[in-house]
Amino acid sequence: MSAAAAVFLGSALTSLSESLSYAQSISINPVSDHTLGTAPFTIAASASSGLRVTLTSNTTNVCTLSGNRVSLANTGTCSITGTQPGDSYYSAAASVTRSFNVLPAAKIPQSGRSLGQSNARGRL
């Protein structure tokens, strides 16, 4: 093989190996509905490649994220998307979105009387 052919073949193999990458997928564990006022909680997300998944809130008025820790801000639907851009061995994964509802906190029933108000038997 001539030197020029070897250089061409080496260049073609390098180009081919750079364009080959493995597919990967993302999974985010299901999240049940939560009540507003619930303490921050974590959600689990992983990529089949083992690479780190980045989570982002699509509804920051309802929920925010710090890493995989979710904080609830308002009632409504919380929508979270996981992404993984890939690396030199893995191609970018298709993003995955998981949603759950943030429900209003239960209201404490009022007796209809103010503090200090009295009834026929005395003070309440």
PDB file of N, CA and C in Angstrom:
ATOM      1  N   MET A   1       0.858  -1.169   0.000  1.00  0.00           N
ATOM      2  CA  MET A   1       0.000   0.000   0.000  1.00  0.00           C
ATOM      3  C   MET A   1       0.900   1.226   0.000  1.00  0.00           C
ATOM      4  N   SER A   2       0.541   2.181  -0.821  1.00  0.00           N
ATOM      5  CA  SER A   2       1.330   3.404  -0.902  1.00  0.00           C
ATOM      6  C   SER A   2       1.092   4.247   0.343  1.00  0.00           C
ATOM      7  N   ALA A   3       1.980   5.158   0.601  1.00  0.00           N
ATOM      8  CA  ALA A   3       1.855   6.059   1.756  1.00  0.00           C
ATOM      9  C   ALA A   3       0.593   6.903   1.633  1.00  0.00           C
ATOM     10  N   ALA A   4       0.266   7.351   0.431  1.00  0.00           N
ATOM     11  CA  ALA A   4      -0.926   8.170   0.228  1.00  0.00           C
ATOM     12  C   ALA A   4      -2.184   7.354   0.529  1.00  0.00           C
ATOM     13  N   ALA A   5      -2.200   6.098   0.110  1.00  0.00           N
ATOM     14  CA  ALA A   5      -3.357   5.236   0.362  1.00  0.00           C
ATOM     15  C   ALA A   5      -3.496   4.972   1.858  1.00  0.00           C
ATOM     16  N   ALA A   6      -2.371   4.766   2.550  1.00  0.00           N
ATOM     17  CA  ALA A   6      -2.400   4.523   3.992  1.00  0.00           C
ATOM     18  C   ALA A   6      -2.926   5.745   4.734  1.00  0.00           C
ATOM     19  N   VAL A   7      -2.514   6.932   4.318  1.00  0.00           N
ATOM     20  CA  VAL A   7      -3.001   8.163   4.944  1.00  0.00           C
ATOM     21  C   VAL A   7      -4.493   8.312   4.699  1.00  0.00           C
ATOM     22  N   PHE A   8      -4.929   8.048   3.456  1.00  0.00           N
ATOM     23  CA  PHE A   8      -6.350   8.144   3.133  1.00  0.00           C
ATOM     24  C   PHE A   8      -7.158   7.142   3.966  1.00  0.00           C
ATOM     25  N   LEU A   9      -6.679   5.893   4.024  1.00  0.00           N
ATOM     26  CA  LEU A   9      -7.381   4.858   4.770  1.00  0.00           C
ATOM     27  C   LEU A   9      -7.425   5.207   6.258  1.00  0.00           C
ATOM     28  N   GLY A  10      -6.316   5.675   6.793  1.00  0.00           N
ATOM     29  CA  GLY A  10      -6.272   6.074   8.205  1.00  0.00           C
ATOM     30  C   GLY A  10      -7.223   7.226   8.479  1.00  0.00           C
ATOM     31  N   SER A  11      -7.284   8.189   7.591  1.00  0.00           N
ATOM     32  CA  SER A  11      -8.177   9.329   7.735  1.00  0.00           C
ATOM     33  C   SER A  11      -9.631   8.879   7.656  1.00  0.00           C
ATOM     34  N   ALA A  12      -9.934   7.967   6.735  1.00  0.00           N
ATOM     35  CA  ALA A  12     -11.297   7.464   6.584  1.00  0.00           C
ATOM     36  C   ALA A  12     -11.725   6.687   7.823  1.00  0.00           C
ATOM     37  N   LEU A  13     -10.829   5.867   8.391  1.00  0.00           N
ATOM     38  CA  LEU A  13     -11.153   5.110   9.599  1.00  0.00           C
ATOM     39  C   LEU A  13     -11.375   6.040  10.788  1.00  0.00           C
ATOM     40  N   THR A  14     -10.551   7.068  10.902  1.00  0.00           N
ATOM     41  CA  THR A  14     -10.722   8.035  11.990  1.00  0.00           C
ATOM     42  C   THR A  14     -12.061   8.736  11.845  1.00  0.00           C
ATOM     43  N   SER A  15     -12.385   9.140  10.618  1.00  0.00           N
ATOM     44  CA  SER A  15     -13.660   9.821  10.370  1.00  0.00           C
ATOM     45  C   SER A  15     -14.833   8.891  10.669  1.00  0.00           C
ATOM     46  N   LEU A  16     -14.718   7.630  10.287  1.00  0.00           N
ATOM     47  CA  LEU A  16     -15.780   6.661  10.532  1.00  0.00           C
ATOM     48  C   LEU A  16     -15.949   6.427  12.027  1.00  0.00           C
ATOM     49  N   SER A  17     -14.857   6.269  12.758  1.00  0.00           N
ATOM     50  CA  SER A  17     -14.969   6.008  14.197  1.00  0.00           C
ATOM     51  C   SER A  17     -15.522   7.223  14.935  1.00  0.00           C
ATOM     52  N   GLU A  18     -15.251   8.426  14.427  1.00  0.00           N
ATOM     53  CA  GLU A  18     -15.796   9.627  15.051  1.00  0.00           C
ATOM     54  C   GLU A  18     -17.296   9.765  14.806  1.00  0.00           C
ATOM     55  N   SER A  19     -17.783   9.199  13.693  1.00  0.00           N
ATOM     56  CA  SER A  19     -19.207   9.334  13.399  1.00  0.00           C
ATOM     57  C   SER A  19     -20.035   8.205  14.013  1.00  0.00           C
ATOM     58  N   LEU A  20     -19.393   7.131  14.467  1.00  0.00           N
ATOM     59  CA  LEU A  20     -20.117   6.044  15.113  1.00  0.00           C
ATOM     60  C   LEU A  20     -20.315   6.365  16.586  1.00  0.00           C
ATOM     61  N   SER A  21     -21.537   6.272  17.025  1.00  0.00           N
ATOM     62  CA  SER A  21     -21.800   6.450  18.448  1.00  0.00           C
ATOM     63  C   SER A  21     -22.966   5.558  18.825  1.00  0.00           C
ATOM     64  N   TYR A  22     -23.030   5.245  20.079  1.00  0.00           N
ATOM     65  CA  TYR A  22     -24.072   4.356  20.585  1.00  0.00           C
ATOM     66  C   TYR A  22     -25.306   5.160  20.962  1.00  0.00           C
ATOM     67  N   ALA A  23     -26.450   4.550  20.758  1.00  0.00           N
ATOM     68  CA  ALA A  23     -27.706   5.183  21.149  1.00  0.00           C
ATOM     69  C   ALA A  23     -27.881   5.064  22.668  1.00  0.00           C
ATOM     70  N   GLN A  24     -28.629   5.963  23.231  1.00  0.00           N
ATOM     71  CA  GLN A  24     -28.950   5.905  24.656  1.00  0.00           C
ATOM     72  C   GLN A  24     -30.371   6.407  24.846  1.00  0.00           C
ATOM     73  N   SER A  25     -30.943   6.077  25.982  1.00  0.00           N
ATOM     74  CA  SER A  25     -32.290   6.547  26.296  1.00  0.00           C
ATOM     75  C   SER A  25     -32.326   7.026  27.741  1.00  0.00           C
ATOM     76  N   ILE A  26     -33.331   7.844  28.032  1.00  0.00           N
ATOM     77  CA  ILE A  26     -33.510   8.412  29.373  1.00  0.00           C
ATOM     78  C   ILE A  26     -34.757   7.813  29.989  1.00  0.00           C
ATOM     79  N   SER A  27     -34.693   7.552  31.279  1.00  0.00           N
ATOM     80  CA  SER A  27     -35.912   7.176  32.003  1.00  0.00           C
ATOM     81  C   SER A  27     -36.006   8.043  33.262  1.00  0.00           C
ATOM     82  N   ILE A  28     -37.224   8.485  33.536  1.00  0.00           N
ATOM     83  CA  ILE A  28     -37.522   9.257  34.744  1.00  0.00           C
ATOM     84  C   ILE A  28     -38.606   8.491  35.480  1.00  0.00           C
ATOM     85  N   ASN A  29     -38.346   8.174  36.739  1.00  0.00           N
ATOM     86  CA  ASN A  29     -39.339   7.437  37.519  1.00  0.00           C
ATOM     87  C   ASN A  29     -40.641   8.229  37.599  1.00  0.00           C
ATOM     88  N   PRO A  30     -41.780   7.523  37.633  1.00  0.00           N
ATOM     89  CA  PRO A  30     -43.068   8.212  37.775  1.00  0.00           C
ATOM     90  C   PRO A  30     -43.102   9.037  39.064  1.00  0.00           C
ATOM     91  N   VAL A  31     -43.804  10.153  39.004  1.00  0.00           N
ATOM     92  CA  VAL A  31     -43.963  11.027  40.168  1.00  0.00           C
ATOM     93  C   VAL A  31     -45.455  11.153  40.438  1.00  0.00           C
ATOM     94  N   SER A  32     -45.862  10.847  41.670  1.00  0.00           N
ATOM     95  CA  SER A  32     -47.281  10.967  42.013  1.00  0.00           C
ATOM     96  C   SER A  32     -47.618  12.431  42.280  1.00  0.00           C
ATOM     97  N   ASP A  33     -48.902  12.732  42.283  1.00  0.00           N
ATOM     98  CA  ASP A  33     -49.346  14.084  42.605  1.00  0.00           C
ATOM     99  C   ASP A  33     -48.902  14.451  44.023  1.00  0.00           C
ATOM    100  N   HIS A  34     -48.630  15.732  44.239  1.00  0.00           N
ATOM    101  CA  HIS A  34     -48.202  16.238  45.542  1.00  0.00           C
ATOM    102  C   HIS A  34     -49.080  17.415  45.959  1.00  0.00           C
ATOM    103  N   THR A  35     -49.148  17.636  47.251  1.00  0.00           N
ATOM    104  CA  THR A  35     -49.905  18.751  47.801  1.00  0.00           C
ATOM    105  C   THR A  35     -48.980  19.935  48.016  1.00  0.00           C
ATOM    106  N   LEU A  36     -49.442  21.121  47.644  1.00  0.00           N
ATOM    107  CA  LEU A  36     -48.670  22.335  47.872  1.00  0.00           C
ATOM    108  C   LEU A  36     -48.340  22.426  49.360  1.00  0.00           C
ATOM    109  N   GLY A  37     -47.106  22.731  49.684  1.00  0.00           N
ATOM    110  CA  GLY A  37     -46.657  22.764  51.071  1.00  0.00           C
ATOM    111  C   GLY A  37     -45.822  21.536  51.426  1.00  0.00           C
ATOM    112  N   THR A  38     -45.829  20.528  50.538  1.00  0.00           N
ATOM    113  CA  THR A  38     -44.998  19.339  50.744  1.00  0.00           C
ATOM    114  C   THR A  38     -43.534  19.761  50.723  1.00  0.00           C
ATOM    115  N   ALA A  39     -42.744  19.163  51.599  1.00  0.00           N
ATOM    116  CA  ALA A  39     -41.306  19.456  51.634  1.00  0.00           C
ATOM    117  C   ALA A  39     -40.664  19.068  50.298  1.00  0.00           C
ATOM    118  N   PRO A  40     -39.554  19.730  49.931  1.00  0.00           N
ATOM    119  CA  PRO A  40     -38.859  19.357  48.694  1.00  0.00           C
ATOM    120  C   PRO A  40     -38.554  17.854  48.677  1.00  0.00           C
ATOM    121  N   PHE A  41     -38.585  17.264  47.495  1.00  0.00           N
ATOM    122  CA  PHE A  41     -38.358  15.832  47.339  1.00  0.00           C
ATOM    123  C   PHE A  41     -37.507  15.592  46.098  1.00  0.00           C
ATOM    124  N   THR A  42     -36.938  14.406  45.997  1.00  0.00           N
ATOM    125  CA  THR A  42     -36.078  14.086  44.858  1.00  0.00           C
ATOM    126  C   THR A  42     -36.816  13.179  43.877  1.00  0.00           C
ATOM    127  N   ILE A  43     -36.422  13.309  42.622  1.00  0.00           N
ATOM    128  CA  ILE A  43     -36.916  12.399  41.600  1.00  0.00           C
ATOM    129  C   ILE A  43     -35.714  11.703  40.974  1.00  0.00           C
ATOM    130  N   ALA A  44     -35.911  10.493  40.520  1.00  0.00           N
ATOM    131  CA  ALA A  44     -34.821   9.703  39.954  1.00  0.00           C
ATOM    132  C   ALA A  44     -34.896   9.706  38.433  1.00  0.00           C
ATOM    133  N   ALA A  45     -33.765   9.980  37.816  1.00  0.00           N
ATOM    134  CA  ALA A  45     -33.647   9.950  36.355  1.00  0.00           C
ATOM    135  C   ALA A  45     -32.315   9.307  36.007  1.00  0.00           C
ATOM    136  N   SER A  46     -32.312   8.532  34.929  1.00  0.00           N
ATOM    137  CA  SER A  46     -31.059   7.888  34.522  1.00  0.00           C
ATOM    138  C   SER A  46     -31.021   7.757  33.005  1.00  0.00           C
ATOM    139  N   ALA A  47     -29.808   7.612  32.497  1.00  0.00           N
ATOM    140  CA  ALA A  47     -29.598   7.365  31.071  1.00  0.00           C
ATOM    141  C   ALA A  47     -29.057   5.947  30.931  1.00  0.00           C
ATOM    142  N   SER A  48     -29.454   5.252  29.891  1.00  0.00           N
ATOM    143  CA  SER A  48     -28.989   3.883  29.678  1.00  0.00           C
ATOM    144  C   SER A  48     -27.469   3.825  29.523  1.00  0.00           C
ATOM    145  N   SER A  49     -26.865   4.932  29.153  1.00  0.00           N
ATOM    146  CA  SER A  49     -25.411   5.013  29.001  1.00  0.00           C
ATOM    147  C   SER A  49     -24.690   5.120  30.335  1.00  0.00           C
ATOM    148  N   GLY A  50     -25.426   5.508  31.388  1.00  0.00           N
ATOM    149  CA  GLY A  50     -24.789   5.779  32.676  1.00  0.00           C
ATOM    150  C   GLY A  50     -24.348   7.225  32.810  1.00  0.00           C
ATOM    151  N   LEU A  51     -24.513   8.014  31.735  1.00  0.00           N
ATOM    152  CA  LEU A  51     -24.153   9.428  31.790  1.00  0.00           C
ATOM    153  C   LEU A  51     -25.208  10.197  32.586  1.00  0.00           C
ATOM    154  N   ARG A  52     -24.815  11.346  33.116  1.00  0.00           N
ATOM    155  CA  ARG A  52     -25.698  12.150  33.964  1.00  0.00           C
ATOM    156  C   ARG A  52     -26.828  12.779  33.159  1.00  0.00           C
ATOM    157  N   VAL A  53     -28.037  12.709  33.704  1.00  0.00           N
ATOM    158  CA  VAL A  53     -29.219  13.328  33.102  1.00  0.00           C
ATOM    159  C   VAL A  53     -29.442  14.681  33.761  1.00  0.00           C
ATOM    160  N   THR A  54     -29.679  15.702  32.958  1.00  0.00           N
ATOM    161  CA  THR A  54     -29.988  17.033  33.472  1.00  0.00           C
ATOM    162  C   THR A  54     -31.501  17.215  33.470  1.00  0.00           C
ATOM    163  N   LEU A  55     -32.038  17.628  34.620  1.00  0.00           N
ATOM    164  CA  LEU A  55     -33.472  17.855  34.753  1.00  0.00           C
ATOM    165  C   LEU A  55     -33.760  19.350  34.758  1.00  0.00           C
ATOM    166  N   THR A  56     -34.827  19.746  34.069  1.00  0.00           N
ATOM    167  CA  THR A  56     -35.220  21.145  33.970  1.00  0.00           C
ATOM    168  C   THR A  56     -36.726  21.253  34.151  1.00  0.00           C
ATOM    169  N   SER A  57     -37.168  22.253  34.932  1.00  0.00           N
ATOM    170  CA  SER A  57     -38.595  22.503  35.072  1.00  0.00           C
ATOM    171  C   SER A  57     -39.075  23.324  33.884  1.00  0.00           C
ATOM    172  N   ASN A  58     -40.169  22.873  33.270  1.00  0.00           N
ATOM    173  CA  ASN A  58     -40.799  23.625  32.184  1.00  0.00           C
ATOM    174  C   ASN A  58     -41.864  24.561  32.725  1.00  0.00           C
ATOM    175  N   THR A  59     -42.138  24.470  34.025  1.00  0.00           N
ATOM    176  CA  THR A  59     -43.210  25.242  34.666  1.00  0.00           C
ATOM    177  C   THR A  59     -42.682  25.820  35.975  1.00  0.00           C
ATOM    178  N   THR A  60     -41.752  26.761  35.871  1.00  0.00           N
ATOM    179  CA  THR A  60     -41.093  27.299  37.064  1.00  0.00           C
ATOM    180  C   THR A  60     -42.047  28.061  37.984  1.00  0.00           C
ATOM    181  N   ASN A  61     -43.223  28.434  37.482  1.00  0.00           N
ATOM    182  CA  ASN A  61     -44.205  29.075  38.357  1.00  0.00           C
ATOM    183  C   ASN A  61     -44.888  28.046  39.262  1.00  0.00           C
ATOM    184  N   VAL A  62     -44.794  26.748  38.902  1.00  0.00           N
ATOM    185  CA  VAL A  62     -45.405  25.675  39.690  1.00  0.00           C
ATOM    186  C   VAL A  62     -44.343  24.904  40.485  1.00  0.00           C
ATOM    187  N   CYS A  63     -43.218  24.595  39.860  1.00  0.00           N
ATOM    188  CA  CYS A  63     -42.162  23.829  40.537  1.00  0.00           C
ATOM    189  C   CYS A  63     -40.790  24.248  40.021  1.00  0.00           C
ATOM    190  N   THR A  64     -39.805  24.156  40.900  1.00  0.00           N
ATOM    191  CA  THR A  64     -38.425  24.468  40.529  1.00  0.00           C
ATOM    192  C   THR A  64     -37.549  23.274  40.873  1.00  0.00           C
ATOM    193  N   LEU A  65     -36.378  23.241  40.264  1.00  0.00           N
ATOM    194  CA  LEU A  65     -35.439  22.145  40.489  1.00  0.00           C
ATOM    195  C   LEU A  65     -34.076  22.660  40.889  1.00  0.00           C
ATOM    196  N   SER A  66     -33.438  21.912  41.767  1.00  0.00           N
ATOM    197  CA  SER A  66     -32.035  22.100  42.085  1.00  0.00           C
ATOM    198  C   SER A  66     -31.424  20.711  41.977  1.00  0.00           C
ATOM    199  N   GLY A  67     -30.781  20.437  40.851  1.00  0.00           N
ATOM    200  CA  GLY A  67     -30.329  19.074  40.581  1.00  0.00           C
ATOM    201  C   GLY A  67     -31.549  18.203  40.351  1.00  0.00           C
ATOM    202  N   ASN A  68     -31.741  17.196  41.206  1.00  0.00           N
ATOM    203  CA  ASN A  68     -32.933  16.348  41.081  1.00  0.00           C
ATOM    204  C   ASN A  68     -33.907  16.570  42.244  1.00  0.00           C
ATOM    205  N   ARG A  69     -33.741  17.688  42.956  1.00  0.00           N
ATOM    206  CA  ARG A  69     -34.594  18.026  44.098  1.00  0.00           C
ATOM    207  C   ARG A  69     -35.671  19.019  43.654  1.00  0.00           C
ATOM    208  N   VAL A  70     -36.943  18.634  43.822  1.00  0.00           N
ATOM    209  CA  VAL A  70     -38.081  19.426  43.359  1.00  0.00           C
ATOM    210  C   VAL A  70     -38.666  20.216  44.522  1.00  0.00           C
ATOM    211  N   SER A  71     -38.900  21.502  44.304  1.00  0.00           N
ATOM    212  CA  SER A  71     -39.601  22.359  45.267  1.00  0.00           C
ATOM    213  C   SER A  71     -40.883  22.846  44.608  1.00  0.00           C
ATOM    214  N   LEU A  72     -41.969  22.799  45.361  1.00  0.00           N
ATOM    215  CA  LEU A  72     -43.271  23.209  44.842  1.00  0.00           C
ATOM    216  C   LEU A  72     -43.527  24.670  45.172  1.00  0.00           C
ATOM    217  N   ALA A  73     -44.004  25.434  44.191  1.00  0.00           N
ATOM    218  CA  ALA A  73     -44.213  26.869  44.368  1.00  0.00           C
ATOM    219  C   ALA A  73     -45.677  27.282  44.255  1.00  0.00           C
ATOM    220  N   ASN A  74     -46.476  26.515  43.525  1.00  0.00           N
ATOM    221  CA  ASN A  74     -47.853  26.893  43.240  1.00  0.00           C
ATOM    222  C   ASN A  74     -48.636  25.663  42.833  1.00  0.00           C
ATOM    223  N   THR A  75     -49.964  25.764  42.847  1.00  0.00           N
ATOM    224  CA  THR A  75     -50.777  24.666  42.341  1.00  0.00           C
ATOM    225  C   THR A  75     -50.743  24.684  40.816  1.00  0.00           C
ATOM    226  N   GLY A  76     -51.015  23.526  40.223  1.00  0.00           N
ATOM    227  CA  GLY A  76     -51.018  23.404  38.770  1.00  0.00           C
ATOM    228  C   GLY A  76     -50.307  22.137  38.354  1.00  0.00           C
ATOM    229  N   THR A  77     -49.901  22.075  37.106  1.00  0.00           N
ATOM    230  CA  THR A  77     -49.178  20.918  36.586  1.00  0.00           C
ATOM    231  C   THR A  77     -47.690  21.239  36.553  1.00  0.00           C
ATOM    232  N   CYS A  78     -46.904  20.394  37.204  1.00  0.00           N
ATOM    233  CA  CYS A  78     -45.444  20.518  37.183  1.00  0.00           C
ATOM    234  C   CYS A  78     -44.935  19.631  36.057  1.00  0.00           C
ATOM    235  N   SER A  79     -44.154  20.204  35.156  1.00  0.00           N
ATOM    236  CA  SER A  79     -43.618  19.483  34.007  1.00  0.00           C
ATOM    237  C   SER A  79     -42.087  19.552  34.060  1.00  0.00           C
ATOM    238  N   ILE A  80     -41.447  18.384  34.060  1.00  0.00           N
ATOM    239  CA  ILE A  80     -39.990  18.297  34.176  1.00  0.00           C
ATOM    240  C   ILE A  80     -39.448  17.518  32.988  1.00  0.00           C
ATOM    241  N   THR A  81     -38.397  18.050  32.357  1.00  0.00           N
ATOM    242  CA  THR A  81     -37.780  17.397  31.207  1.00  0.00           C
ATOM    243  C   THR A  81     -36.364  16.971  31.543  1.00  0.00           C
ATOM    244  N   GLY A  82     -36.021  15.744  31.144  1.00  0.00           N
ATOM    245  CA  GLY A  82     -34.668  15.218  31.298  1.00  0.00           C
ATOM    246  C   GLY A  82     -33.955  15.202  29.960  1.00  0.00           C
ATOM    247  N   THR A  83     -32.701  15.653  29.958  1.00  0.00           N
ATOM    248  CA  THR A  83     -31.891  15.657  28.735  1.00  0.00           C
ATOM    249  C   THR A  83     -30.520  15.045  29.023  1.00  0.00           C
ATOM    250  N   GLN A  84     -29.909  14.494  27.992  1.00  0.00           N
ATOM    251  CA  GLN A  84     -28.551  13.966  28.068  1.00  0.00           C
ATOM    252  C   GLN A  84     -27.937  14.176  26.697  1.00  0.00           C
ATOM    253  N   PRO A  85     -26.938  15.096  26.590  1.00  0.00           N
ATOM    254  CA  PRO A  85     -26.414  15.473  25.277  1.00  0.00           C
ATOM    255  C   PRO A  85     -25.472  14.467  24.625  1.00  0.00           C
ATOM    256  N   GLY A  86     -25.063  13.441  25.339  1.00  0.00           N
ATOM    257  CA  GLY A  86     -24.132  12.478  24.772  1.00  0.00           C
ATOM    258  C   GLY A  86     -22.689  12.885  25.002  1.00  0.00           C
ATOM    259  N   ASP A  87     -21.796  12.068  24.498  1.00  0.00           N
ATOM    260  CA  ASP A  87     -20.361  12.342  24.601  1.00  0.00           C
ATOM    261  C   ASP A  87     -19.686  11.746  23.376  1.00  0.00           C
ATOM    262  N   SER A  88     -18.395  11.471  23.463  1.00  0.00           N
ATOM    263  CA  SER A  88     -17.685  10.956  22.292  1.00  0.00           C
ATOM    264  C   SER A  88     -18.089   9.520  21.943  1.00  0.00           C
ATOM    265  N   TYR A  89     -18.751   8.813  22.839  1.00  0.00           N
ATOM    266  CA  TYR A  89     -19.187   7.444  22.574  1.00  0.00           C
ATOM    267  C   TYR A  89     -20.696   7.301  22.383  1.00  0.00           C
ATOM    268  N   TYR A  90     -21.460   8.190  22.990  1.00  0.00           N
ATOM    269  CA  TYR A  90     -22.919   8.094  22.953  1.00  0.00           C
ATOM    270  C   TYR A  90     -23.525   9.313  22.266  1.00  0.00           C
ATOM    271  N   SER A  91     -24.532   9.053  21.421  1.00  0.00           N
ATOM    272  CA  SER A  91     -25.252  10.163  20.797  1.00  0.00           C
ATOM    273  C   SER A  91     -26.228  10.751  21.817  1.00  0.00           C
ATOM    274  N   ALA A  92     -26.723  11.922  21.522  1.00  0.00           N
ATOM    275  CA  ALA A  92     -27.686  12.581  22.423  1.00  0.00           C
ATOM    276  C   ALA A  92     -28.941  11.719  22.540  1.00  0.00           C
ATOM    277  N   ALA A  93     -29.462  11.650  23.747  1.00  0.00           N
ATOM    278  CA  ALA A  93     -30.696  10.899  23.981  1.00  0.00           C
ATOM    279  C   ALA A  93     -31.893  11.785  23.668  1.00  0.00           C
ATOM    280  N   ALA A  94     -32.982  11.163  23.268  1.00  0.00           N
ATOM    281  CA  ALA A  94     -34.238  11.908  23.094  1.00  0.00           C
ATOM    282  C   ALA A  94     -34.678  12.377  24.480  1.00  0.00           C
ATOM    283  N   SER A  95     -35.111  13.618  24.575  1.00  0.00           N
ATOM    284  CA  SER A  95     -35.542  14.143  25.876  1.00  0.00           C
ATOM    285  C   SER A  95     -36.822  13.435  26.322  1.00  0.00           C
ATOM    286  N   VAL A  96     -37.014  13.379  27.641  1.00  0.00           N
ATOM    287  CA  VAL A  96     -38.191  12.748  28.240  1.00  0.00           C
ATOM    288  C   VAL A  96     -38.826  13.753  29.194  1.00  0.00           C
ATOM    289  N   THR A  97     -40.141  13.885  29.136  1.00  0.00           N
ATOM    290  CA  THR A  97     -40.858  14.806  30.021  1.00  0.00           C
ATOM    291  C   THR A  97     -41.797  14.025  30.925  1.00  0.00           C
ATOM    292  N   ARG A  98     -41.778  14.370  32.190  1.00  0.00           N
ATOM    293  CA  ARG A  98     -42.658  13.749  33.194  1.00  0.00           C
ATOM    294  C   ARG A  98     -43.451  14.871  33.851  1.00  0.00           C
ATOM    295  N   SER A  99     -44.745  14.664  34.056  1.00  0.00           N
ATOM    296  CA  SER A  99     -45.603  15.682  34.673  1.00  0.00           C
ATOM    297  C   SER A  99     -46.369  15.091  35.848  1.00  0.00           C
ATOM    298  N   PHE A 100     -46.710  15.962  36.798  1.00  0.00           N
ATOM    299  CA  PHE A 100     -47.573  15.584  37.907  1.00  0.00           C
ATOM    300  C   PHE A 100     -48.310  16.823  38.372  1.00  0.00           C
ATOM    301  N   ASN A 101     -49.370  16.625  39.130  1.00  0.00           N
ATOM    302  CA  ASN A 101     -50.184  17.735  39.612  1.00  0.00           C
ATOM    303  C   ASN A 101     -49.741  18.177  40.998  1.00  0.00           C
ATOM    304  N   VAL A 102     -49.775  19.491  41.209  1.00  0.00           N
ATOM    305  CA  VAL A 102     -49.561  20.063  42.537  1.00  0.00           C
ATOM    306  C   VAL A 102     -50.937  20.526  42.996  1.00  0.00           C
ATOM    307  N   LEU A 103     -51.435  19.867  44.022  1.00  0.00           N
ATOM    308  CA  LEU A 103     -52.795  20.094  44.501  1.00  0.00           C
ATOM    309  C   LEU A 103     -52.822  21.119  45.624  1.00  0.00           C
ATOM    310  N   PRO A 104     -53.938  21.822  45.795  1.00  0.00           N
ATOM    311  CA  PRO A 104     -54.028  22.790  46.893  1.00  0.00           C
ATOM    312  C   PRO A 104     -53.990  22.074  48.242  1.00  0.00           C
ATOM    313  N   ALA A 105     -53.441  22.760  49.227  1.00  0.00           N
ATOM    314  CA  ALA A 105     -53.414  22.215  50.585  1.00  0.00           C
ATOM    315  C   ALA A 105     -54.837  22.156  51.110  1.00  0.00           C
ATOM    316  N   ALA A 106     -55.102  21.181  51.973  1.00  0.00           N
ATOM    317  CA  ALA A 106     -56.442  21.051  52.560  1.00  0.00           C
ATOM    318  C   ALA A 106     -56.732  22.268  53.429  1.00  0.00           C
ATOM    319  N   LYS A 107     -57.942  22.771  53.347  1.00  0.00           N
ATOM    320  CA  LYS A 107     -58.341  23.927  54.160  1.00  0.00           C
ATOM    321  C   LYS A 107     -58.841  23.424  55.508  1.00  0.00           C
ATOM    322  N   ILE A 108     -58.490  24.160  56.554  1.00  0.00           N
ATOM    323  CA  ILE A 108     -58.964  23.832  57.890  1.00  0.00           C
ATOM    324  C   ILE A 108     -60.325  24.475  58.058  1.00  0.00           C
ATOM    325  N   PRO A 109     -61.350  23.675  58.389  1.00  0.00           N
ATOM    326  CA  PRO A 109     -62.692  24.263  58.514  1.00  0.00           C
ATOM    327  C   PRO A 109     -62.749  25.283  59.636  1.00  0.00           C
ATOM    328  N   GLN A 110     -63.478  26.343  59.399  1.00  0.00           N
ATOM    329  CA  GLN A 110     -63.656  27.399  60.393  1.00  0.00           C
ATOM    330  C   GLN A 110     -64.976  27.174  61.124  1.00  0.00           C
ATOM    331  N   SER A 111     -65.018  27.464  62.425  1.00  0.00           N
ATOM    332  CA  SER A 111     -66.239  27.262  63.199  1.00  0.00           C
ATOM    333  C   SER A 111     -67.241  28.376  62.969  1.00  0.00           C
ATOM    334  N   GLY A 112     -66.823  29.451  62.373  1.00  0.00           N
ATOM    335  CA  GLY A 112     -67.721  30.568  62.131  1.00  0.00           C
ATOM    336  C   GLY A 112     -67.709  31.577  63.267  1.00  0.00           C
ATOM    337  N   ARG A 113     -66.965  31.338  64.307  1.00  0.00           N
ATOM    338  CA  ARG A 113     -66.893  32.268  65.441  1.00  0.00           C
ATOM    339  C   ARG A 113     -65.486  32.823  65.551  1.00  0.00           C
ATOM    340  N   SER A 114     -65.396  34.006  65.979  1.00  0.00           N
ATOM    341  CA  SER A 114     -64.103  34.638  66.199  1.00  0.00           C
ATOM    342  C   SER A 114     -63.602  34.294  67.584  1.00  0.00           C
ATOM    343  N   LEU A 115     -62.308  34.362  67.761  1.00  0.00           N
ATOM    344  CA  LEU A 115     -61.745  34.181  69.099  1.00  0.00           C
ATOM    345  C   LEU A 115     -62.299  35.264  70.020  1.00  0.00           C
ATOM    346  N   GLY A 116     -62.625  34.878  71.227  1.00  0.00           N
ATOM    347  CA  GLY A 116     -63.135  35.839  72.193  1.00  0.00           C
ATOM    348  C   GLY A 116     -64.635  36.010  72.113  1.00  0.00           C
ATOM    349  N   GLN A 117     -65.251  35.450  71.079  1.00  0.00           N
ATOM    350  CA  GLN A 117     -66.711  35.564  70.955  1.00  0.00           C
ATOM    351  C   GLN A 117     -67.355  34.622  71.976  1.00  0.00           C
ATOM    352  N   SER A 118     -68.439  34.993  72.547  1.00  0.00           N
ATOM    353  CA  SER A 118     -69.089  34.136  73.557  1.00  0.00           C
ATOM    354  C   SER A 118     -70.397  33.600  73.048  1.00  0.00           C
ATOM    355  N   ASN A 119     -70.822  32.517  73.683  1.00  0.00           N
ATOM    356  CA  ASN A 119     -72.137  31.973  73.378  1.00  0.00           C
ATOM    357  C   ASN A 119     -72.981  32.081  74.666  1.00  0.00           C
ATOM    358  N   ALA A 120     -74.142  31.468  74.692  1.00  0.00           N
ATOM    359  CA  ALA A 120     -75.034  31.586  75.856  1.00  0.00           C
ATOM    360  C   ALA A 120     -74.420  30.983  77.118  1.00  0.00           C
ATOM    361  N   ARG A 121     -73.469  30.080  77.013  1.00  0.00           N
ATOM    362  CA  ARG A 121     -72.893  29.436  78.194  1.00  0.00           C
ATOM    363  C   ARG A 121     -71.597  30.099  78.650  1.00  0.00           C
ATOM    364  N   GLY A 122     -71.074  30.973  77.902  1.00  0.00           N
ATOM    365  CA  GLY A 122     -69.819  31.597  78.308  1.00  0.00           C
ATOM    366  C   GLY A 122     -68.906  31.822  77.100  1.00  0.00           C
ATOM    367  N   ARG A 123     -67.641  32.085  77.390  1.00  0.00           N
ATOM    368  CA  ARG A 123     -66.656  32.363  76.352  1.00  0.00           C
ATOM    369  C   ARG A 123     -66.255  31.098  75.621  1.00  0.00           C
ATOM    370  N   LEU A 124     -65.969  31.251  74.337  1.00  0.00           N
ATOM    371  CA  LEU A 124     -65.450  30.137  73.523  1.00  0.00           C
ATOM    372  C   LEU A 124     -63.955  30.145  73.574  1.00  0.00           C
TER     373      LEU A 124
END
